[in-house]
Structures are given as structure tokens and as C-alpha cells.
Amino acid sequence: YTAHRIFTRRCAELPEVEISERTVRQYVEELRRQMGLAKREVFIAQHYEYGAEAQVDWYEATVCLGGVNQVLQFFCLRASASGAAFHRAYLRATQGAFLEAHELAFEHFGGVFKCLRYDNLKAAVKRVLRGSRREETTRFIAFRSHYGYEGSFCNPYSGHEKGGVEGEVGRFRRNHLVPVPQFDALDQLNQWLLEE
């Protein structure tokens, strides 16, 4: 029996006794641990060479600009080896903003990464083909060719494939965007993001 199945059966057989599914799960986990049946955690260490790979993502956050709360689009590029990140805010997540943010990130890091991992965002991908193949936008191909890096795309609906940048976005939001920060203008916000 799974812990969920134990919980549902217990609810059906003893409806007068209130207990949460979480409590049942914790109890089953403890029993498994005592009986030596607990799942062992397995870790495969990831190792990245400096400058070899980075991950890119967009995210939204609310910021007070000029006294008005606005939902802005934030670009994030995170280096896989060091975990260092670059964040930049835009009013909209356009292809122009996407490419400009790359240039500013490359300047910030002092160079271009050999490979950048993306999800299947419209600024870079026209169409998802079979397997790992993508039909990229003409402008993105020209940009990538100019800077000489490889673009790698995640499987659709698989944000976990670029978990480094996803974790960075969560960390940054919790530590810098709560409570809602206040700035007079977007330029002031972006200067603050560089400092942070």
C-alpha cells in the first residue's frame, strides 16, 4: 500500500477519526525507515567548466515604479559553474529586450558562454520539432552566430532541465523582490539589480 492508499482506506473505514494525509505519510515514512525500507537518496555530482554553460529564463515580478505597482518582465542569465547571475527588468518580454539582455549579460560576465540553455521561448524558437530539434527564429540564429555560442533547448514543459536558473529566480524573488521594491524609474531599478 502507498501512504495515500492507506489514508483513503482509513478515511473510508473510520470516518469519525480525523487525521491528515500528511500525518499518515510521515508515519509510513518513519516505519519504512525503522524497517530499513526507506529510499536511499542518490546524488550525481554536476560539474561545469567556467564559461562553458549558462541557463536563461524570463520571470515576472511586481515592482512599484513612480508610485504605481506594475508587473514587469525580468530576464535572468545564470552561470552554471559559479552560480553567478545577471537580472534585468523590462516592461515587456520582447525579442529586442531578450537580445539586449544577452548583450548586457555578456558584458557583465566579461565574455560569452559556450552554450546557453533555454526553454522554448518565442523570441528564440519558431517551432518545436521532433526530439531536441528546433526551428529557431532568423534573428536569434543571426544573434547566436554573431556571438558564437550554441543554443540548447529543454523539452517542452520541463523547467527542471534548467533547474539552476529556476532556483536562482526563486532565491532572487524571496531575497530582493519582497516586499515590493519602489523606484522612480526603470533605469533606477536596473541599476539596483546590477548592484544586488
N, C-alpha and C. Protein backbone atom coordinates (compact mmCIF):
# COMPACT_ATOMS: atom_id res chain seq x y z
N TYR A 1 0.84 -1.19 0.00
CA TYR A 1 0.00 0.00 0.00
C TYR A 1 0.88 1.25 0.00
N THR A 2 0.44 2.23 -0.73
CA THR A 2 1.10 3.52 -0.66
C THR A 2 0.52 4.28 0.54
N ALA A 3 1.19 5.32 0.95
CA ALA A 3 0.68 6.13 2.07
C ALA A 3 -0.67 6.73 1.70
N HIS A 4 -0.84 7.15 0.45
CA HIS A 4 -2.12 7.72 0.01
C HIS A 4 -3.24 6.68 0.11
N ARG A 5 -2.93 5.45 -0.32
CA ARG A 5 -3.94 4.38 -0.28
C ARG A 5 -4.31 4.05 1.17
N ILE A 6 -3.34 4.05 2.06
CA ILE A 6 -3.62 3.82 3.49
C ILE A 6 -4.54 4.92 4.01
N PHE A 7 -4.24 6.16 3.64
CA PHE A 7 -5.05 7.29 4.08
C PHE A 7 -6.50 7.18 3.58
N THR A 8 -6.68 6.91 2.29
CA THR A 8 -8.04 6.83 1.75
C THR A 8 -8.82 5.65 2.36
N ARG A 9 -8.15 4.52 2.56
CA ARG A 9 -8.83 3.37 3.15
C ARG A 9 -9.20 3.66 4.62
N ARG A 10 -8.29 4.31 5.36
CA ARG A 10 -8.57 4.65 6.75
C ARG A 10 -9.75 5.62 6.84
N CYS A 11 -9.84 6.57 5.91
CA CYS A 11 -10.96 7.52 5.89
C CYS A 11 -12.28 6.81 5.61
N ALA A 12 -12.24 5.82 4.72
CA ALA A 12 -13.46 5.07 4.39
C ALA A 12 -13.90 4.18 5.55
N GLU A 13 -12.95 3.56 6.24
CA GLU A 13 -13.28 2.61 7.29
C GLU A 13 -13.53 3.27 8.65
N LEU A 14 -12.87 4.41 8.90
CA LEU A 14 -13.03 5.11 10.18
C LEU A 14 -13.28 6.60 9.93
N PRO A 15 -14.43 6.95 9.36
CA PRO A 15 -14.68 8.35 9.02
C PRO A 15 -14.79 9.27 10.23
N GLU A 16 -15.08 8.71 11.41
CA GLU A 16 -15.23 9.55 12.61
C GLU A 16 -13.89 10.02 13.17
N VAL A 17 -12.79 9.40 12.76
CA VAL A 17 -11.46 9.78 13.26
C VAL A 17 -10.81 10.72 12.25
N GLU A 18 -10.54 11.95 12.70
CA GLU A 18 -9.93 12.93 11.81
C GLU A 18 -8.42 12.84 11.88
N ILE A 19 -7.81 12.74 10.71
CA ILE A 19 -6.34 12.69 10.60
C ILE A 19 -5.99 13.18 9.20
N SER A 20 -4.87 13.89 9.09
CA SER A 20 -4.49 14.41 7.78
C SER A 20 -3.67 13.39 7.00
N GLU A 21 -3.68 13.54 5.70
CA GLU A 21 -2.89 12.65 4.86
C GLU A 21 -1.40 12.84 5.14
N ARG A 22 -1.02 14.05 5.45
CA ARG A 22 0.40 14.33 5.75
C ARG A 22 0.86 13.52 6.96
N THR A 23 0.02 13.44 7.97
CA THR A 23 0.36 12.66 9.17
C THR A 23 0.57 11.20 8.82
N VAL A 24 -0.31 10.67 7.98
CA VAL A 24 -0.18 9.27 7.56
C VAL A 24 1.11 9.08 6.77
N ARG A 25 1.40 10.02 5.87
CA ARG A 25 2.64 9.92 5.06
C ARG A 25 3.88 9.92 5.97
N GLN A 26 3.90 10.80 6.94
CA GLN A 26 5.04 10.87 7.86
C GLN A 26 5.18 9.59 8.66
N TYR A 27 4.07 9.02 9.11
CA TYR A 27 4.09 7.77 9.87
C TYR A 27 4.63 6.62 9.02
N VAL A 28 4.14 6.52 7.77
CA VAL A 28 4.60 5.46 6.86
C VAL A 28 6.09 5.62 6.57
N GLU A 29 6.51 6.86 6.37
CA GLU A 29 7.94 7.11 6.11
C GLU A 29 8.80 6.68 7.29
N GLU A 30 8.34 6.98 8.50
CA GLU A 30 9.08 6.59 9.71
C GLU A 30 9.13 5.06 9.84
N LEU A 31 8.01 4.38 9.57
CA LEU A 31 8.00 2.91 9.62
C LEU A 31 8.98 2.33 8.61
N ARG A 32 8.98 2.85 7.42
CA ARG A 32 9.91 2.36 6.39
C ARG A 32 11.36 2.56 6.82
N ARG A 33 11.63 3.70 7.42
CA ARG A 33 12.99 3.98 7.90
C ARG A 33 13.39 2.98 8.97
N GLN A 34 12.49 2.70 9.93
CA GLN A 34 12.77 1.75 11.01
C GLN A 34 12.97 0.33 10.49
N MET A 35 12.27 -0.02 9.42
CA MET A 35 12.35 -1.37 8.86
C MET A 35 13.47 -1.49 7.82
N GLY A 36 14.18 -0.39 7.58
CA GLY A 36 15.27 -0.42 6.61
C GLY A 36 14.78 -0.43 5.17
N LEU A 37 13.56 0.03 4.95
CA LEU A 37 12.98 0.04 3.60
C LEU A 37 12.96 1.44 2.98
N ALA A 38 13.49 2.41 3.70
CA ALA A 38 13.46 3.78 3.20
C ALA A 38 14.30 3.91 1.93
N LYS A 39 13.83 4.76 1.04
CA LYS A 39 14.58 5.00 -0.20
C LYS A 39 15.87 5.75 0.15
N ARG A 40 16.95 5.28 -0.41
CA ARG A 40 18.22 5.97 -0.21
C ARG A 40 18.33 7.07 -1.25
N GLU A 41 18.80 8.21 -0.81
CA GLU A 41 19.00 9.31 -1.75
C GLU A 41 20.27 9.08 -2.53
N VAL A 42 20.19 9.32 -3.82
CA VAL A 42 21.33 9.16 -4.71
C VAL A 42 21.60 10.50 -5.37
N PHE A 43 22.84 10.91 -5.38
CA PHE A 43 23.21 12.18 -5.97
C PHE A 43 24.28 11.96 -7.04
N ILE A 44 24.11 12.62 -8.14
CA ILE A 44 25.13 12.61 -9.18
C ILE A 44 25.68 14.03 -9.24
N ALA A 45 26.90 14.16 -8.87
CA ALA A 45 27.51 15.49 -8.82
C ALA A 45 27.60 16.08 -10.22
N GLN A 46 27.18 17.33 -10.33
CA GLN A 46 27.29 18.02 -11.60
C GLN A 46 28.54 18.88 -11.56
N HIS A 47 29.25 18.88 -12.65
CA HIS A 47 30.47 19.68 -12.74
C HIS A 47 30.45 20.46 -14.04
N TYR A 48 30.67 21.74 -13.96
CA TYR A 48 30.69 22.60 -15.15
C TYR A 48 32.01 23.35 -15.19
N GLU A 49 32.57 23.46 -16.35
CA GLU A 49 33.76 24.28 -16.55
C GLU A 49 33.33 25.75 -16.56
N TYR A 50 34.17 26.62 -16.04
CA TYR A 50 33.86 28.05 -16.05
C TYR A 50 33.76 28.54 -17.50
N GLY A 51 32.69 29.27 -17.77
CA GLY A 51 32.47 29.82 -19.11
C GLY A 51 31.85 28.85 -20.08
N ALA A 52 31.59 27.62 -19.65
CA ALA A 52 31.08 26.60 -20.57
C ALA A 52 29.57 26.69 -20.76
N GLU A 53 28.81 26.87 -19.69
CA GLU A 53 27.36 26.81 -19.81
C GLU A 53 26.67 27.79 -18.87
N ALA A 54 25.54 28.29 -19.35
CA ALA A 54 24.67 29.14 -18.53
C ALA A 54 23.23 28.82 -18.91
N GLN A 55 22.31 29.21 -18.03
CA GLN A 55 20.89 28.97 -18.25
C GLN A 55 20.15 30.30 -18.26
N VAL A 56 19.12 30.39 -19.11
CA VAL A 56 18.40 31.64 -19.31
C VAL A 56 16.92 31.43 -19.05
N ASP A 57 16.28 32.44 -18.44
CA ASP A 57 14.84 32.37 -18.22
C ASP A 57 14.26 33.77 -18.06
N TRP A 58 12.96 33.90 -18.30
CA TRP A 58 12.18 35.10 -18.02
C TRP A 58 11.31 34.79 -16.80
N TYR A 59 11.04 35.81 -16.00
CA TYR A 59 10.08 35.68 -14.91
C TYR A 59 9.40 37.01 -14.68
N GLU A 60 8.27 36.97 -13.98
CA GLU A 60 7.51 38.18 -13.68
C GLU A 60 7.63 38.52 -12.21
N ALA A 61 7.57 39.83 -11.91
CA ALA A 61 7.54 40.27 -10.52
C ALA A 61 6.91 41.66 -10.49
N THR A 62 6.29 41.97 -9.37
CA THR A 62 5.67 43.28 -9.19
C THR A 62 6.67 44.23 -8.58
N VAL A 63 6.75 45.43 -9.18
CA VAL A 63 7.63 46.48 -8.70
C VAL A 63 6.84 47.79 -8.72
N CYS A 64 7.05 48.65 -7.75
CA CYS A 64 6.41 49.96 -7.72
C CYS A 64 7.32 50.95 -8.45
N LEU A 65 6.87 51.41 -9.64
CA LEU A 65 7.63 52.38 -10.42
C LEU A 65 6.87 53.70 -10.43
N GLY A 66 7.49 54.75 -9.94
CA GLY A 66 6.84 56.06 -9.92
C GLY A 66 5.54 56.06 -9.14
N GLY A 67 5.47 55.25 -8.09
CA GLY A 67 4.28 55.21 -7.24
C GLY A 67 3.18 54.29 -7.73
N VAL A 68 3.41 53.57 -8.84
CA VAL A 68 2.38 52.66 -9.39
C VAL A 68 2.93 51.24 -9.42
N ASN A 69 2.20 50.30 -8.83
CA ASN A 69 2.61 48.89 -8.89
C ASN A 69 2.43 48.36 -10.30
N GLN A 70 3.49 47.74 -10.83
CA GLN A 70 3.46 47.19 -12.18
C GLN A 70 4.08 45.80 -12.18
N VAL A 71 3.52 44.91 -13.01
CA VAL A 71 4.13 43.60 -13.21
C VAL A 71 5.13 43.74 -14.35
N LEU A 72 6.39 43.53 -14.03
CA LEU A 72 7.46 43.66 -15.01
C LEU A 72 7.99 42.29 -15.42
N GLN A 73 8.65 42.24 -16.56
CA GLN A 73 9.29 41.03 -17.06
C GLN A 73 10.77 41.12 -16.72
N PHE A 74 11.30 40.07 -16.10
CA PHE A 74 12.70 40.05 -15.70
C PHE A 74 13.43 38.97 -16.49
N PHE A 75 14.58 39.32 -17.03
CA PHE A 75 15.48 38.39 -17.72
C PHE A 75 16.50 37.93 -16.70
N CYS A 76 16.81 36.64 -16.70
CA CYS A 76 17.84 36.12 -15.80
C CYS A 76 18.76 35.19 -16.58
N LEU A 77 20.05 35.41 -16.46
CA LEU A 77 21.06 34.51 -17.03
C LEU A 77 21.95 34.08 -15.87
N ARG A 78 22.05 32.76 -15.65
CA ARG A 78 22.81 32.22 -14.51
C ARG A 78 23.93 31.33 -15.01
N ALA A 79 25.15 31.60 -14.58
CA ALA A 79 26.32 30.78 -14.92
C ALA A 79 26.23 29.46 -14.17
N SER A 80 26.39 28.35 -14.88
CA SER A 80 26.25 27.03 -14.25
C SER A 80 27.40 26.70 -13.31
N ALA A 81 28.61 27.11 -13.63
CA ALA A 81 29.77 26.76 -12.80
C ALA A 81 29.81 27.55 -11.49
N SER A 82 29.66 28.86 -11.57
CA SER A 82 29.80 29.69 -10.37
C SER A 82 28.49 29.98 -9.67
N GLY A 83 27.38 29.89 -10.40
CA GLY A 83 26.08 30.25 -9.83
C GLY A 83 25.83 31.74 -9.85
N ALA A 84 26.77 32.52 -10.40
CA ALA A 84 26.58 33.97 -10.50
C ALA A 84 25.46 34.25 -11.50
N ALA A 85 24.70 35.31 -11.24
CA ALA A 85 23.54 35.59 -12.08
C ALA A 85 23.46 37.06 -12.47
N PHE A 86 22.79 37.29 -13.58
CA PHE A 86 22.52 38.63 -14.09
C PHE A 86 21.01 38.76 -14.25
N HIS A 87 20.43 39.82 -13.68
CA HIS A 87 18.99 40.08 -13.77
C HIS A 87 18.78 41.45 -14.41
N ARG A 88 17.74 41.55 -15.25
CA ARG A 88 17.40 42.83 -15.88
C ARG A 88 15.89 42.90 -16.06
N ALA A 89 15.31 44.06 -15.77
CA ALA A 89 13.87 44.24 -15.86
C ALA A 89 13.48 44.97 -17.13
N TYR A 90 12.34 44.57 -17.68
CA TYR A 90 11.76 45.19 -18.88
C TYR A 90 10.26 45.32 -18.69
N LEU A 91 9.67 46.27 -19.42
CA LEU A 91 8.21 46.41 -19.37
C LEU A 91 7.53 45.24 -20.05
N ARG A 92 8.16 44.75 -21.15
CA ARG A 92 7.62 43.60 -21.89
C ARG A 92 8.75 42.68 -22.29
N ALA A 93 8.45 41.40 -22.42
CA ALA A 93 9.45 40.39 -22.82
C ALA A 93 9.46 40.26 -24.33
N THR A 94 9.97 41.27 -25.01
CA THR A 94 10.05 41.25 -26.47
C THR A 94 11.35 40.61 -26.93
N GLN A 95 11.43 40.31 -28.22
CA GLN A 95 12.67 39.74 -28.75
C GLN A 95 13.82 40.75 -28.66
N GLY A 96 13.52 42.01 -28.88
CA GLY A 96 14.55 43.05 -28.74
C GLY A 96 15.11 43.12 -27.33
N ALA A 97 14.21 43.05 -26.34
CA ALA A 97 14.64 43.05 -24.93
C ALA A 97 15.46 41.80 -24.63
N PHE A 98 15.02 40.67 -25.16
CA PHE A 98 15.71 39.39 -24.98
C PHE A 98 17.15 39.46 -25.48
N LEU A 99 17.34 39.99 -26.68
CA LEU A 99 18.68 40.07 -27.27
C LEU A 99 19.53 41.11 -26.56
N GLU A 100 18.93 42.26 -26.22
CA GLU A 100 19.67 43.29 -25.49
C GLU A 100 20.14 42.77 -24.13
N ALA A 101 19.28 42.02 -23.44
CA ALA A 101 19.63 41.48 -22.13
C ALA A 101 20.81 40.53 -22.24
N HIS A 102 20.86 39.73 -23.32
CA HIS A 102 22.02 38.86 -23.55
C HIS A 102 23.30 39.68 -23.66
N GLU A 103 23.27 40.72 -24.49
CA GLU A 103 24.46 41.56 -24.68
C GLU A 103 24.93 42.15 -23.35
N LEU A 104 23.99 42.66 -22.56
CA LEU A 104 24.34 43.23 -21.26
C LEU A 104 24.88 42.17 -20.30
N ALA A 105 24.32 40.97 -20.37
CA ALA A 105 24.81 39.87 -19.51
C ALA A 105 26.22 39.47 -19.92
N PHE A 106 26.48 39.38 -21.23
CA PHE A 106 27.83 39.03 -21.70
C PHE A 106 28.83 40.08 -21.23
N GLU A 107 28.43 41.35 -21.30
CA GLU A 107 29.30 42.43 -20.83
C GLU A 107 29.53 42.30 -19.32
N HIS A 108 28.47 42.00 -18.59
CA HIS A 108 28.56 41.85 -17.13
C HIS A 108 29.53 40.72 -16.75
N PHE A 109 29.44 39.58 -17.46
CA PHE A 109 30.28 38.42 -17.15
C PHE A 109 31.66 38.51 -17.80
N GLY A 110 31.86 39.45 -18.69
CA GLY A 110 33.17 39.61 -19.32
C GLY A 110 33.44 38.61 -20.43
N GLY A 111 32.40 38.06 -21.03
CA GLY A 111 32.57 37.10 -22.12
C GLY A 111 31.28 36.36 -22.42
N VAL A 112 31.37 35.48 -23.41
CA VAL A 112 30.22 34.71 -23.87
C VAL A 112 30.38 33.25 -23.46
N PHE A 113 29.34 32.65 -22.97
CA PHE A 113 29.36 31.24 -22.61
C PHE A 113 29.34 30.39 -23.88
N LYS A 114 29.90 29.20 -23.81
CA LYS A 114 29.93 28.31 -24.98
C LYS A 114 28.55 27.79 -25.32
N CYS A 115 27.72 27.55 -24.29
CA CYS A 115 26.38 27.00 -24.50
C CYS A 115 25.41 27.68 -23.54
N LEU A 116 24.26 28.08 -24.08
CA LEU A 116 23.19 28.63 -23.25
C LEU A 116 21.97 27.73 -23.36
N ARG A 117 21.38 27.39 -22.20
CA ARG A 117 20.19 26.52 -22.17
C ARG A 117 18.95 27.38 -22.01
N TYR A 118 17.95 27.08 -22.84
CA TYR A 118 16.70 27.83 -22.85
C TYR A 118 15.52 26.88 -22.75
N ASP A 119 14.35 27.44 -22.36
CA ASP A 119 13.12 26.71 -22.63
C ASP A 119 12.73 27.14 -24.05
N ASN A 120 11.55 26.85 -24.49
CA ASN A 120 11.19 27.08 -25.89
C ASN A 120 10.47 28.42 -26.09
N LEU A 121 11.12 29.49 -25.68
CA LEU A 121 10.52 30.81 -25.74
C LEU A 121 10.41 31.32 -27.18
N LYS A 122 9.37 32.12 -27.44
CA LYS A 122 9.08 32.59 -28.80
C LYS A 122 10.16 33.49 -29.37
N ALA A 123 10.92 34.16 -28.52
CA ALA A 123 11.99 35.03 -29.01
C ALA A 123 13.09 34.24 -29.70
N ALA A 124 13.19 32.95 -29.42
CA ALA A 124 14.26 32.12 -29.99
C ALA A 124 13.73 30.98 -30.87
N VAL A 125 12.54 30.47 -30.55
CA VAL A 125 12.04 29.26 -31.23
C VAL A 125 10.75 29.55 -31.99
N LYS A 126 10.79 29.28 -33.30
CA LYS A 126 9.57 29.39 -34.12
C LYS A 126 8.67 28.18 -33.91
N ARG A 127 9.33 27.00 -33.90
CA ARG A 127 8.57 25.76 -33.82
C ARG A 127 9.41 24.67 -33.17
N VAL A 128 8.76 23.88 -32.31
CA VAL A 128 9.42 22.73 -31.67
C VAL A 128 9.25 21.55 -32.63
N LEU A 129 10.36 20.96 -33.02
CA LEU A 129 10.33 19.81 -33.92
C LEU A 129 10.50 18.54 -33.11
N ARG A 130 10.66 17.44 -33.76
CA ARG A 130 10.81 16.15 -33.09
C ARG A 130 12.14 16.09 -32.32
N GLY A 131 12.09 15.49 -31.13
CA GLY A 131 13.30 15.32 -30.33
C GLY A 131 13.81 16.65 -29.80
N SER A 132 15.11 16.86 -29.92
CA SER A 132 15.71 18.10 -29.41
C SER A 132 15.87 19.16 -30.49
N ARG A 133 15.34 18.90 -31.67
CA ARG A 133 15.48 19.86 -32.77
C ARG A 133 14.46 20.99 -32.65
N ARG A 134 14.88 22.19 -33.04
CA ARG A 134 14.01 23.37 -33.00
C ARG A 134 14.20 24.16 -34.29
N GLU A 135 13.13 24.79 -34.74
CA GLU A 135 13.23 25.76 -35.82
C GLU A 135 13.37 27.12 -35.13
N GLU A 136 14.57 27.68 -35.17
CA GLU A 136 14.85 28.92 -34.46
C GLU A 136 14.45 30.13 -35.31
N THR A 137 14.19 31.25 -34.65
CA THR A 137 13.86 32.47 -35.38
C THR A 137 15.11 32.98 -36.10
N THR A 138 14.90 33.64 -37.21
CA THR A 138 16.01 34.13 -38.03
C THR A 138 16.89 35.09 -37.24
N ARG A 139 16.27 35.99 -36.51
CA ARG A 139 17.02 36.98 -35.74
C ARG A 139 17.85 36.32 -34.64
N PHE A 140 17.29 35.29 -34.00
CA PHE A 140 18.03 34.59 -32.95
C PHE A 140 19.23 33.83 -33.54
N ILE A 141 19.04 33.20 -34.69
CA ILE A 141 20.14 32.49 -35.35
C ILE A 141 21.27 33.47 -35.66
N ALA A 142 20.92 34.65 -36.19
CA ALA A 142 21.93 35.66 -36.52
C ALA A 142 22.65 36.13 -35.25
N PHE A 143 21.90 36.35 -34.20
CA PHE A 143 22.48 36.80 -32.93
C PHE A 143 23.43 35.75 -32.37
N ARG A 144 22.96 34.51 -32.31
CA ARG A 144 23.76 33.40 -31.77
C ARG A 144 25.02 33.19 -32.60
N SER A 145 24.89 33.30 -33.93
CA SER A 145 26.04 33.13 -34.83
C SER A 145 27.05 34.25 -34.62
N HIS A 146 26.56 35.46 -34.43
CA HIS A 146 27.46 36.61 -34.22
C HIS A 146 28.30 36.41 -32.95
N TYR A 147 27.66 35.95 -31.88
CA TYR A 147 28.38 35.76 -30.62
C TYR A 147 29.07 34.40 -30.51
N GLY A 148 28.76 33.50 -31.42
CA GLY A 148 29.47 32.22 -31.48
C GLY A 148 29.20 31.26 -30.34
N TYR A 149 27.96 31.17 -29.91
CA TYR A 149 27.64 30.20 -28.87
C TYR A 149 26.55 29.24 -29.37
N GLU A 150 26.45 28.11 -28.68
CA GLU A 150 25.45 27.10 -29.02
C GLU A 150 24.21 27.31 -28.16
N GLY A 151 23.04 27.19 -28.77
CA GLY A 151 21.79 27.27 -28.03
C GLY A 151 21.26 25.86 -27.80
N SER A 152 20.92 25.53 -26.58
CA SER A 152 20.38 24.22 -26.24
C SER A 152 18.99 24.44 -25.64
N PHE A 153 18.01 23.66 -26.10
CA PHE A 153 16.63 23.87 -25.67
C PHE A 153 16.11 22.69 -24.87
N CYS A 154 15.37 23.00 -23.81
CA CYS A 154 14.78 21.97 -22.95
C CYS A 154 13.58 21.34 -23.64
N ASN A 155 13.20 20.17 -23.17
CA ASN A 155 11.97 19.55 -23.64
C ASN A 155 10.80 20.42 -23.19
N PRO A 156 9.71 20.45 -23.97
CA PRO A 156 8.55 21.25 -23.56
C PRO A 156 8.05 20.84 -22.18
N TYR A 157 7.64 21.83 -21.39
CA TYR A 157 7.10 21.64 -20.03
C TYR A 157 8.08 20.92 -19.12
N SER A 158 9.37 21.22 -19.26
CA SER A 158 10.40 20.56 -18.44
C SER A 158 11.34 21.58 -17.83
N GLY A 159 10.79 22.48 -17.03
CA GLY A 159 11.59 23.51 -16.39
C GLY A 159 12.70 22.95 -15.52
N HIS A 160 12.53 21.69 -15.03
CA HIS A 160 13.54 21.07 -14.18
C HIS A 160 14.85 20.84 -14.93
N GLU A 161 14.81 20.89 -16.26
CA GLU A 161 16.03 20.66 -17.04
C GLU A 161 16.98 21.86 -16.94
N LYS A 162 16.48 22.98 -16.50
CA LYS A 162 17.35 24.13 -16.23
C LYS A 162 17.05 24.64 -14.82
N GLY A 163 17.20 23.71 -13.90
CA GLY A 163 16.88 23.97 -12.51
C GLY A 163 17.74 25.02 -11.84
N GLY A 164 18.95 25.24 -12.35
CA GLY A 164 19.83 26.25 -11.76
C GLY A 164 19.22 27.64 -11.85
N VAL A 165 18.74 28.00 -13.03
CA VAL A 165 18.16 29.33 -13.21
C VAL A 165 16.80 29.42 -12.53
N GLU A 166 16.05 28.33 -12.50
CA GLU A 166 14.75 28.32 -11.81
C GLU A 166 14.96 28.56 -10.32
N GLY A 167 15.97 27.92 -9.74
CA GLY A 167 16.30 28.13 -8.33
C GLY A 167 16.77 29.55 -8.07
N GLU A 168 17.55 30.10 -8.99
CA GLU A 168 18.04 31.47 -8.86
C GLU A 168 16.89 32.46 -8.87
N VAL A 169 15.92 32.25 -9.74
CA VAL A 169 14.76 33.13 -9.81
C VAL A 169 14.02 33.12 -8.46
N GLY A 170 13.79 31.95 -7.90
CA GLY A 170 13.11 31.86 -6.61
C GLY A 170 13.91 32.53 -5.51
N ARG A 171 15.20 32.30 -5.48
CA ARG A 171 16.07 32.91 -4.47
C ARG A 171 16.04 34.42 -4.58
N PHE A 172 16.15 34.92 -5.81
CA PHE A 172 16.20 36.36 -6.02
C PHE A 172 14.87 37.02 -5.63
N ARG A 173 13.78 36.38 -6.01
CA ARG A 173 12.46 36.93 -5.65
C ARG A 173 12.30 37.03 -4.13
N ARG A 174 12.62 35.95 -3.43
CA ARG A 174 12.44 35.92 -1.98
C ARG A 174 13.33 36.93 -1.27
N ASN A 175 14.54 37.13 -1.78
CA ASN A 175 15.51 37.98 -1.08
C ASN A 175 15.53 39.43 -1.52
N HIS A 176 15.01 39.73 -2.72
CA HIS A 176 15.13 41.10 -3.23
C HIS A 176 13.82 41.72 -3.69
N LEU A 177 12.80 40.93 -3.97
CA LEU A 177 11.56 41.48 -4.51
C LEU A 177 10.38 41.36 -3.55
N VAL A 178 10.67 41.05 -2.29
CA VAL A 178 9.66 41.01 -1.24
C VAL A 178 10.21 41.78 -0.06
N PRO A 179 9.52 42.78 0.46
CA PRO A 179 8.29 43.36 -0.06
C PRO A 179 8.54 44.05 -1.40
N VAL A 180 7.46 44.50 -2.03
CA VAL A 180 7.55 45.11 -3.36
C VAL A 180 8.51 46.31 -3.31
N PRO A 181 9.61 46.25 -4.09
CA PRO A 181 10.55 47.37 -4.08
C PRO A 181 9.98 48.59 -4.81
N GLN A 182 10.45 49.78 -4.45
CA GLN A 182 9.94 51.02 -5.03
C GLN A 182 11.07 51.80 -5.67
N PHE A 183 10.83 52.24 -6.91
CA PHE A 183 11.82 53.02 -7.65
C PHE A 183 11.09 54.10 -8.43
N ASP A 184 11.82 55.16 -8.78
CA ASP A 184 11.23 56.24 -9.57
C ASP A 184 11.13 55.86 -11.05
N ALA A 185 12.11 55.08 -11.54
CA ALA A 185 12.12 54.76 -12.97
C ALA A 185 12.75 53.38 -13.19
N LEU A 186 12.53 52.84 -14.38
CA LEU A 186 13.05 51.52 -14.75
C LEU A 186 14.58 51.49 -14.73
N ASP A 187 15.22 52.58 -15.18
CA ASP A 187 16.69 52.64 -15.18
C ASP A 187 17.25 52.52 -13.76
N GLN A 188 16.57 53.16 -12.82
CA GLN A 188 16.99 53.10 -11.42
C GLN A 188 16.86 51.67 -10.90
N LEU A 189 15.77 50.99 -11.25
CA LEU A 189 15.58 49.59 -10.87
C LEU A 189 16.69 48.72 -11.43
N ASN A 190 17.02 48.89 -12.72
CA ASN A 190 18.05 48.05 -13.34
C ASN A 190 19.43 48.32 -12.76
N GLN A 191 19.71 49.53 -12.37
CA GLN A 191 20.98 49.82 -11.69
C GLN A 191 21.04 49.10 -10.35
N TRP A 192 19.92 49.10 -9.63
CA TRP A 192 19.82 48.39 -8.33
C TRP A 192 20.00 46.88 -8.54
N LEU A 193 19.41 46.33 -9.61
CA LEU A 193 19.55 44.91 -9.89
C LEU A 193 21.01 44.54 -10.11
N LEU A 194 21.77 45.39 -10.81
CA LEU A 194 23.20 45.14 -11.01
C LEU A 194 23.95 45.13 -9.68
N GLU A 195 23.62 46.06 -8.81
CA GLU A 195 24.27 46.14 -7.51
C GLU A 195 23.94 44.93 -6.63
N GLU A 196 22.71 44.45 -6.72
CA GLU A 196 22.28 43.31 -5.91
C GLU A 196 22.90 42.02 -6.44
